[in-house]
């Protein structure tokens, strides 16, 4: 067996297994982090009282806290208190630079009232020969001074690293091309800077 085949087998195996290992390792770090948030305190008392430590008890406590907070936050009384608590929280040092963006990102990912991104489009912006991916948010007709009616679309252009921030532009429908990819796939492309884009995702969509 020559070196070329050995190298090809090694690279192929690496491509198959490395993403799996990275995913498992990342999930392990995330789970341990969540478990340690409350688990260190709970296990301290468990160890002190019963001489045992239970892995995962902190994660269960976090899940319970999330459900309990959700139940409280949906009550009318607590809904009135939350804005006052947030206003106080935002006065703390450095919180104003972190909390609003974190809240927007979490709300976008998990809220049922997320911004309605209907379709993914690509169009020339900000100059000729430069293409930008955007999200169709609305459509409307506008009448020009000469009486011509133009079909327009509202396009939201996401920014990095915070994908829910950005700006939107009004573009003639004829100037945009609709991509046959999901909103989630488009976000992966944008956030990764194109690294996670498959080679054929823009095929037959745009004549560059």
C-alpha atoms as a PDB file:
ATOM      1  CA  UNK A   1       0.000   0.000   0.000  1.00  0.00           C
ATOM      2  CA  UNK A   2       1.550   3.286  -1.102  1.00  0.00           C
ATOM      3  CA  UNK A   3       1.801   6.497   0.863  1.00  0.00           C
ATOM      4  CA  UNK A   4      -0.876   8.263  -1.203  1.00  0.00           C
ATOM      5  CA  UNK A   5      -3.537   5.693  -0.256  1.00  0.00           C
ATOM      6  CA  UNK A   6      -2.514   5.748   3.385  1.00  0.00           C
ATOM      7  CA  UNK A   7      -2.706   9.528   3.410  1.00  0.00           C
ATOM      8  CA  UNK A   8      -6.130   9.459   1.725  1.00  0.00           C
ATOM      9  CA  UNK A   9      -7.450   6.907   4.241  1.00  0.00           C
ATOM     10  CA  UNK A  10      -6.132   8.968   7.132  1.00  0.00           C
ATOM     11  CA  UNK A  11      -7.591  12.250   5.846  1.00  0.00           C
ATOM     12  CA  UNK A  12     -10.958  10.604   5.100  1.00  0.00           C
ATOM     13  CA  UNK A  13     -11.117   9.078   8.567  1.00  0.00           C
ATOM     14  CA  UNK A  14     -10.144  12.404  10.087  1.00  0.00           C
ATOM     15  CA  UNK A  15     -12.891  14.231   8.192  1.00  0.00           C
ATOM     16  CA  UNK A  16     -15.473  11.670   9.328  1.00  0.00           C
ATOM     17  CA  UNK A  17     -14.455  11.321  12.973  1.00  0.00           C
ATOM     18  CA  UNK A  18     -13.071  14.738  13.962  1.00  0.00           C
ATOM     19  CA  UNK A  19     -16.437  16.592  13.740  1.00  0.00           C
ATOM     20  CA  UNK A  20     -17.989  13.844  15.887  1.00  0.00           C
ATOM     21  CA  UNK A  21     -15.237  14.142  18.514  1.00  0.00           C
ATOM     22  CA  UNK A  22     -15.434  17.947  18.505  1.00  0.00           C
ATOM     23  CA  UNK A  23     -19.223  17.840  18.893  1.00  0.00           C
ATOM     24  CA  UNK A  24     -19.092  15.363  21.784  1.00  0.00           C
ATOM     25  CA  UNK A  25     -16.269  17.283  23.457  1.00  0.00           C
ATOM     26  CA  UNK A  26     -18.085  20.627  23.091  1.00  0.00           C
ATOM     27  CA  UNK A  27     -21.345  19.184  24.414  1.00  0.00           C
ATOM     28  CA  UNK A  28     -19.435  17.676  27.334  1.00  0.00           C
ATOM     29  CA  UNK A  29     -17.906  21.045  28.213  1.00  0.00           C
ATOM     30  CA  UNK A  30     -21.299  22.743  27.952  1.00  0.00           C
ATOM     31  CA  UNK A  31     -23.043  20.119  30.106  1.00  0.00           C
ATOM     32  CA  UNK A  32     -20.297  20.237  32.725  1.00  0.00           C
ATOM     33  CA  UNK A  33     -20.476  24.027  32.754  1.00  0.00           C
ATOM     34  CA  UNK A  34     -24.252  24.020  33.320  1.00  0.00           C
ATOM     35  CA  UNK A  35     -24.018  21.273  35.914  1.00  0.00           C
ATOM     36  CA  UNK A  36     -21.299  23.140  37.777  1.00  0.00           C
ATOM     37  CA  UNK A  37     -23.285  26.381  38.042  1.00  0.00           C
ATOM     38  CA  UNK A  38     -25.520  24.983  40.783  1.00  0.00           C
ATOM     39  CA  UNK A  39     -24.088  21.499  41.159  1.00  0.00           C
ATOM     40  CA  UNK A  40     -21.032  22.668  43.099  1.00  0.00           C
ATOM     41  CA  UNK A  41     -23.253  24.071  45.843  1.00  0.00           C
ATOM     42  CA  UNK A  42     -25.772  21.212  45.864  1.00  0.00           C
ATOM     43  CA  UNK A  43     -23.027  18.573  45.889  1.00  0.00           C
ATOM     44  CA  UNK A  44     -21.265  20.405  48.709  1.00  0.00           C
ATOM     45  CA  UNK A  45     -24.284  19.848  50.955  1.00  0.00           C
ATOM     46  CA  UNK A  46     -24.872  16.317  49.639  1.00  0.00           C
ATOM     47  CA  UNK A  47     -21.273  15.442  50.371  1.00  0.00           C
ATOM     48  CA  UNK A  48     -21.419  17.111  53.769  1.00  0.00           C
ATOM     49  CA  UNK A  49     -24.685  15.417  54.795  1.00  0.00           C
ATOM     50  CA  UNK A  50     -24.532  12.041  53.031  1.00  0.00           C
ATOM     51  CA  UNK A  51     -20.957  11.732  51.810  1.00  0.00           C
ATOM     52  CA  UNK A  52     -21.940  11.526  48.131  1.00  0.00           C
ATOM     53  CA  UNK A  53     -21.698  13.681  45.012  1.00  0.00           C
ATOM     54  CA  UNK A  54     -24.114  13.281  42.100  1.00  0.00           C
ATOM     55  CA  UNK A  55     -23.109  14.327  38.603  1.00  0.00           C
ATOM     56  CA  UNK A  56     -26.010  15.958  36.780  1.00  0.00           C
ATOM     57  CA  UNK A  57     -27.831  17.213  39.853  1.00  0.00           C
ATOM     58  CA  UNK A  58     -26.849  20.776  38.950  1.00  0.00           C
ATOM     59  CA  UNK A  59     -28.181  20.315  35.409  1.00  0.00           C
ATOM     60  CA  UNK A  60     -31.489  19.049  36.795  1.00  0.00           C
ATOM     61  CA  UNK A  61     -31.585  22.051  39.123  1.00  0.00           C
ATOM     62  CA  UNK A  62     -30.988  24.397  36.168  1.00  0.00           C
ATOM     63  CA  UNK A  63     -33.844  22.781  34.227  1.00  0.00           C
ATOM     64  CA  UNK A  64     -36.119  23.083  37.251  1.00  0.00           C
ATOM     65  CA  UNK A  65     -35.127  26.722  37.673  1.00  0.00           C
ATOM     66  CA  UNK A  66     -35.895  27.423  34.008  1.00  0.00           C
ATOM     67  CA  UNK A  67     -39.381  25.894  34.268  1.00  0.00           C
ATOM     68  CA  UNK A  68     -40.071  27.636  37.579  1.00  0.00           C
ATOM     69  CA  UNK A  69     -38.944  30.990  36.146  1.00  0.00           C
ATOM     70  CA  UNK A  70     -41.094  30.420  33.061  1.00  0.00           C
ATOM     71  CA  UNK A  71     -44.151  29.758  35.218  1.00  0.00           C
ATOM     72  CA  UNK A  72     -43.522  32.891  37.271  1.00  0.00           C
ATOM     73  CA  UNK A  73     -42.738  35.056  34.234  1.00  0.00           C
ATOM     74  CA  UNK A  74     -46.063  34.214  32.591  1.00  0.00           C
ATOM     75  CA  UNK A  75     -48.096  35.416  35.562  1.00  0.00           C
ATOM     76  CA  UNK A  76     -49.633  38.881  35.290  1.00  0.00           C
ATOM     77  CA  UNK A  77     -48.134  40.072  38.583  1.00  0.00           C
ATOM     78  CA  UNK A  78     -44.556  39.098  37.718  1.00  0.00           C
ATOM     79  CA  UNK A  79     -44.876  40.549  34.197  1.00  0.00           C
ATOM     80  CA  UNK A  80     -45.361  43.954  35.809  1.00  0.00           C
ATOM     81  CA  UNK A  81     -42.307  43.514  38.021  1.00  0.00           C
ATOM     82  CA  UNK A  82     -39.876  42.265  35.343  1.00  0.00           C
ATOM     83  CA  UNK A  83     -39.373  45.695  33.639  1.00  0.00           C
ATOM     84  CA  UNK A  84     -38.438  47.275  36.990  1.00  0.00           C
ATOM     85  CA  UNK A  85     -35.977  44.455  37.749  1.00  0.00           C
ATOM     86  CA  UNK A  86     -34.445  44.779  34.270  1.00  0.00           C
ATOM     87  CA  UNK A  87     -34.059  48.553  34.658  1.00  0.00           C
ATOM     88  CA  UNK A  88     -32.243  48.008  37.957  1.00  0.00           C
ATOM     89  CA  UNK A  89     -30.104  45.235  36.455  1.00  0.00           C
ATOM     90  CA  UNK A  90     -29.093  47.436  33.510  1.00  0.00           C
ATOM     91  CA  UNK A  91     -27.675  50.040  35.906  1.00  0.00           C
ATOM     92  CA  UNK A  92     -25.003  47.606  37.100  1.00  0.00           C
ATOM     93  CA  UNK A  93     -21.473  48.096  35.688  1.00  0.00           C
ATOM     94  CA  UNK A  94     -20.855  46.512  32.245  1.00  0.00           C
ATOM     95  CA  UNK A  95     -24.334  44.918  32.194  1.00  0.00           C
ATOM     96  CA  UNK A  96     -25.622  47.402  29.627  1.00  0.00           C
ATOM     97  CA  UNK A  97     -22.925  46.261  27.180  1.00  0.00           C
ATOM     98  CA  UNK A  98     -23.801  42.561  27.518  1.00  0.00           C
ATOM     99  CA  UNK A  99     -27.396  41.959  28.646  1.00  0.00           C
ATOM    100  CA  UNK A 100     -29.405  43.626  25.802  1.00  0.00           C
ATOM    101  CA  UNK A 101     -27.538  41.743  23.052  1.00  0.00           C
ATOM    102  CA  UNK A 102     -27.717  38.458  24.965  1.00  0.00           C
ATOM    103  CA  UNK A 103     -31.450  38.932  25.513  1.00  0.00           C
ATOM    104  CA  UNK A 104     -32.063  39.691  21.833  1.00  0.00           C
ATOM    105  CA  UNK A 105     -30.095  36.633  20.728  1.00  0.00           C
ATOM    106  CA  UNK A 106     -31.877  34.262  23.143  1.00  0.00           C
ATOM    107  CA  UNK A 107     -35.282  35.730  22.260  1.00  0.00           C
ATOM    108  CA  UNK A 108     -34.552  35.298  18.570  1.00  0.00           C
ATOM    109  CA  UNK A 109     -33.453  31.684  18.961  1.00  0.00           C
ATOM    110  CA  UNK A 110     -36.231  30.500  21.263  1.00  0.00           C
ATOM    111  CA  UNK A 111     -39.143  32.936  21.143  1.00  0.00           C
ATOM    112  CA  UNK A 112     -42.267  32.065  19.187  1.00  0.00           C
ATOM    113  CA  UNK A 113     -42.502  35.766  18.281  1.00  0.00           C
ATOM    114  CA  UNK A 114     -39.186  35.901  16.439  1.00  0.00           C
ATOM    115  CA  UNK A 115     -38.735  38.181  13.442  1.00  0.00           C
ATOM    116  CA  UNK A 116     -40.493  36.708  10.419  1.00  0.00           C
ATOM    117  CA  UNK A 117     -37.709  35.894   7.984  1.00  0.00           C
ATOM    118  CA  UNK A 118     -39.676  34.507   5.072  1.00  0.00           C
ATOM    119  CA  UNK A 119     -37.058  33.617   2.479  1.00  0.00           C
ATOM    120  CA  UNK A 120     -33.338  33.914   1.799  1.00  0.00           C
ATOM    121  CA  UNK A 121     -32.261  36.184  -1.052  1.00  0.00           C
ATOM    122  CA  UNK A 122     -29.042  37.311  -2.659  1.00  0.00           C
ATOM    123  CA  UNK A 123     -28.526  40.574  -4.519  1.00  0.00           C
ATOM    124  CA  UNK A 124     -25.824  42.997  -5.617  1.00  0.00           C
ATOM    125  CA  UNK A 125     -24.954  45.156  -2.611  1.00  0.00           C
ATOM    126  CA  UNK A 126     -23.240  47.479  -1.714  1.00  0.00           C
ATOM    127  CA  UNK A 127     -21.845  47.746  -5.240  1.00  0.00           C
ATOM    128  CA  UNK A 128     -21.919  46.128  -8.634  1.00  0.00           C
ATOM    129  CA  UNK A 129     -20.315  42.702  -8.650  1.00  0.00           C
ATOM    130  CA  UNK A 130     -20.524  42.412  -4.846  1.00  0.00           C
ATOM    131  CA  UNK A 131     -23.240  40.057  -3.596  1.00  0.00           C
ATOM    132  CA  UNK A 132     -24.912  40.053  -0.189  1.00  0.00           C
ATOM    133  CA  UNK A 133     -27.163  37.449   1.428  1.00  0.00           C
ATOM    134  CA  UNK A 134     -30.285  38.836   3.087  1.00  0.00           C
ATOM    135  CA  UNK A 135     -33.648  37.797   4.465  1.00  0.00           C
ATOM    136  CA  UNK A 136     -36.978  38.775   2.955  1.00  0.00           C
ATOM    137  CA  UNK A 137     -39.171  40.293   5.676  1.00  0.00           C
ATOM    138  CA  UNK A 138     -41.951  41.991   3.722  1.00  0.00           C
ATOM    139  CA  UNK A 139     -43.257  42.911   0.268  1.00  0.00           C
ATOM    140  CA  UNK A 140     -45.126  45.916  -1.058  1.00  0.00           C
ATOM    141  CA  UNK A 141     -45.945  47.899  -4.196  1.00  0.00           C
ATOM    142  CA  UNK A 142     -44.826  51.495  -4.677  1.00  0.00           C
ATOM    143  CA  UNK A 143     -45.831  54.029  -7.295  1.00  0.00           C
ATOM    144  CA  UNK A 144     -43.106  56.018  -9.001  1.00  0.00           C
ATOM    145  CA  UNK A 145     -43.494  59.711 -10.008  1.00  0.00           C
ATOM    146  CA  UNK A 146     -43.953  58.625 -13.622  1.00  0.00           C
ATOM    147  CA  UNK A 147     -46.878  56.422 -12.612  1.00  0.00           C
ATOM    148  CA  UNK A 148     -45.041  53.127 -12.907  1.00  0.00           C
ATOM    149  CA  UNK A 149     -45.757  50.574 -10.185  1.00  0.00           C
ATOM    150  CA  UNK A 150     -42.691  48.803  -8.806  1.00  0.00           C
ATOM    151  CA  UNK A 151     -42.795  45.573  -6.835  1.00  0.00           C
ATOM    152  CA  UNK A 152     -40.496  46.106  -3.827  1.00  0.00           C
ATOM    153  CA  UNK A 153     -39.219  43.816  -1.065  1.00  0.00           C
ATOM    154  CA  UNK A 154     -37.825  44.550   2.391  1.00  0.00           C
ATOM    155  CA  UNK A 155     -34.517  42.770   2.953  1.00  0.00           C
ATOM    156  CA  UNK A 156     -32.824  42.430   6.327  1.00  0.00           C
ATOM    157  CA  UNK A 157     -29.037  42.155   6.151  1.00  0.00           C
ATOM    158  CA  UNK A 158     -27.604  40.403   9.179  1.00  0.00           C
ATOM    159  CA  UNK A 159     -24.308  41.379  10.782  1.00  0.00           C
ATOM    160  CA  UNK A 160     -21.597  39.392  12.555  1.00  0.00           C
ATOM    161  CA  UNK A 161     -21.021  38.326  15.299  1.00  0.00           C
ATOM    162  CA  UNK A 162     -24.533  39.255  16.488  1.00  0.00           C
ATOM    163  CA  UNK A 163     -26.762  37.860  13.712  1.00  0.00           C
ATOM    164  CA  UNK A 164     -29.939  39.560  14.959  1.00  0.00           C
ATOM    165  CA  UNK A 165     -28.423  43.009  14.561  1.00  0.00           C
ATOM    166  CA  UNK A 166     -27.960  44.641  11.189  1.00  0.00           C
ATOM    167  CA  UNK A 167     -29.972  46.845   8.873  1.00  0.00           C
ATOM    168  CA  UNK A 168     -32.585  46.533   6.175  1.00  0.00           C
ATOM    169  CA  UNK A 169     -32.961  47.951   2.685  1.00  0.00           C
ATOM    170  CA  UNK A 170     -35.760  48.353   0.161  1.00  0.00           C
ATOM    171  CA  UNK A 171     -34.930  46.510  -3.050  1.00  0.00           C
ATOM    172  CA  UNK A 172     -36.900  45.991  -6.285  1.00  0.00           C
ATOM    173  CA  UNK A 173     -38.041  42.396  -6.482  1.00  0.00           C
ATOM    174  CA  UNK A 174     -36.416  42.105  -9.894  1.00  0.00           C
ATOM    175  CA  UNK A 175     -33.014  42.829  -8.308  1.00  0.00           C
ATOM    176  CA  UNK A 176     -33.058  39.898  -5.894  1.00  0.00           C
ATOM    177  CA  UNK A 177     -32.638  36.185  -6.456  1.00  0.00           C
ATOM    178  CA  UNK A 178     -34.317  33.744  -4.103  1.00  0.00           C
ATOM    179  CA  UNK A 179     -32.013  31.033  -2.781  1.00  0.00           C
ATOM    180  CA  UNK A 180     -33.165  27.480  -2.270  1.00  0.00           C
ATOM    181  CA  UNK A 181     -31.778  27.257   1.288  1.00  0.00           C
ATOM    182  CA  UNK A 182     -33.377  27.603   4.719  1.00  0.00           C
ATOM    183  CA  UNK A 183     -33.042  30.591   7.023  1.00  0.00           C
ATOM    184  CA  UNK A 184     -31.024  28.433   9.431  1.00  0.00           C
ATOM    185  CA  UNK A 185     -28.584  27.438   6.684  1.00  0.00           C
ATOM    186  CA  UNK A 186     -28.177  31.088   5.672  1.00  0.00           C
ATOM    187  CA  UNK A 187     -27.384  32.056   9.263  1.00  0.00           C
ATOM    188  CA  UNK A 188     -24.705  29.359   9.406  1.00  0.00           C
ATOM    189  CA  UNK A 189     -23.121  30.787   6.270  1.00  0.00           C
ATOM    190  CA  UNK A 190     -23.184  34.352   7.616  1.00  0.00           C
ATOM    191  CA  UNK A 191     -21.952  33.596  11.139  1.00  0.00           C
ATOM    192  CA  UNK A 192     -19.155  31.335   9.887  1.00  0.00           C
ATOM    193  CA  UNK A 193     -18.046  33.831   7.265  1.00  0.00           C
ATOM    194  CA  UNK A 194     -18.833  31.353   4.503  1.00  0.00           C
ATOM    195  CA  UNK A 195     -16.831  28.503   6.014  1.00  0.00           C
ATOM    196  CA  UNK A 196     -19.947  26.351   6.514  1.00  0.00           C
ATOM    197  CA  UNK A 197     -21.317  26.975   3.025  1.00  0.00           C
ATOM    198  CA  UNK A 198     -21.607  23.921   0.836  1.00  0.00           C
ATOM    199  CA  UNK A 199     -20.109  24.323  -2.577  1.00  0.00           C
ATOM    200  CA  UNK A 200     -23.396  23.866  -4.445  1.00  0.00           C
ATOM    201  CA  UNK A 201     -25.649  26.079  -2.319  1.00  0.00           C
ATOM    202  CA  UNK A 202     -25.511  28.973  -4.781  1.00  0.00           C
ATOM    203  CA  UNK A 203     -25.470  26.840  -7.926  1.00  0.00           C
ATOM    204  CA  UNK A 204     -28.073  27.811 -10.540  1.00  0.00           C
ATOM    205  CA  UNK A 205     -29.025  30.815  -8.400  1.00  0.00           C
ATOM    206  CA  UNK A 206     -26.762  33.640  -9.480  1.00  0.00           C
ATOM    207  CA  UNK A 207     -24.703  34.161 -12.576  1.00  0.00           C
ATOM    208  CA  UNK A 208     -21.538  35.650 -11.093  1.00  0.00           C
END
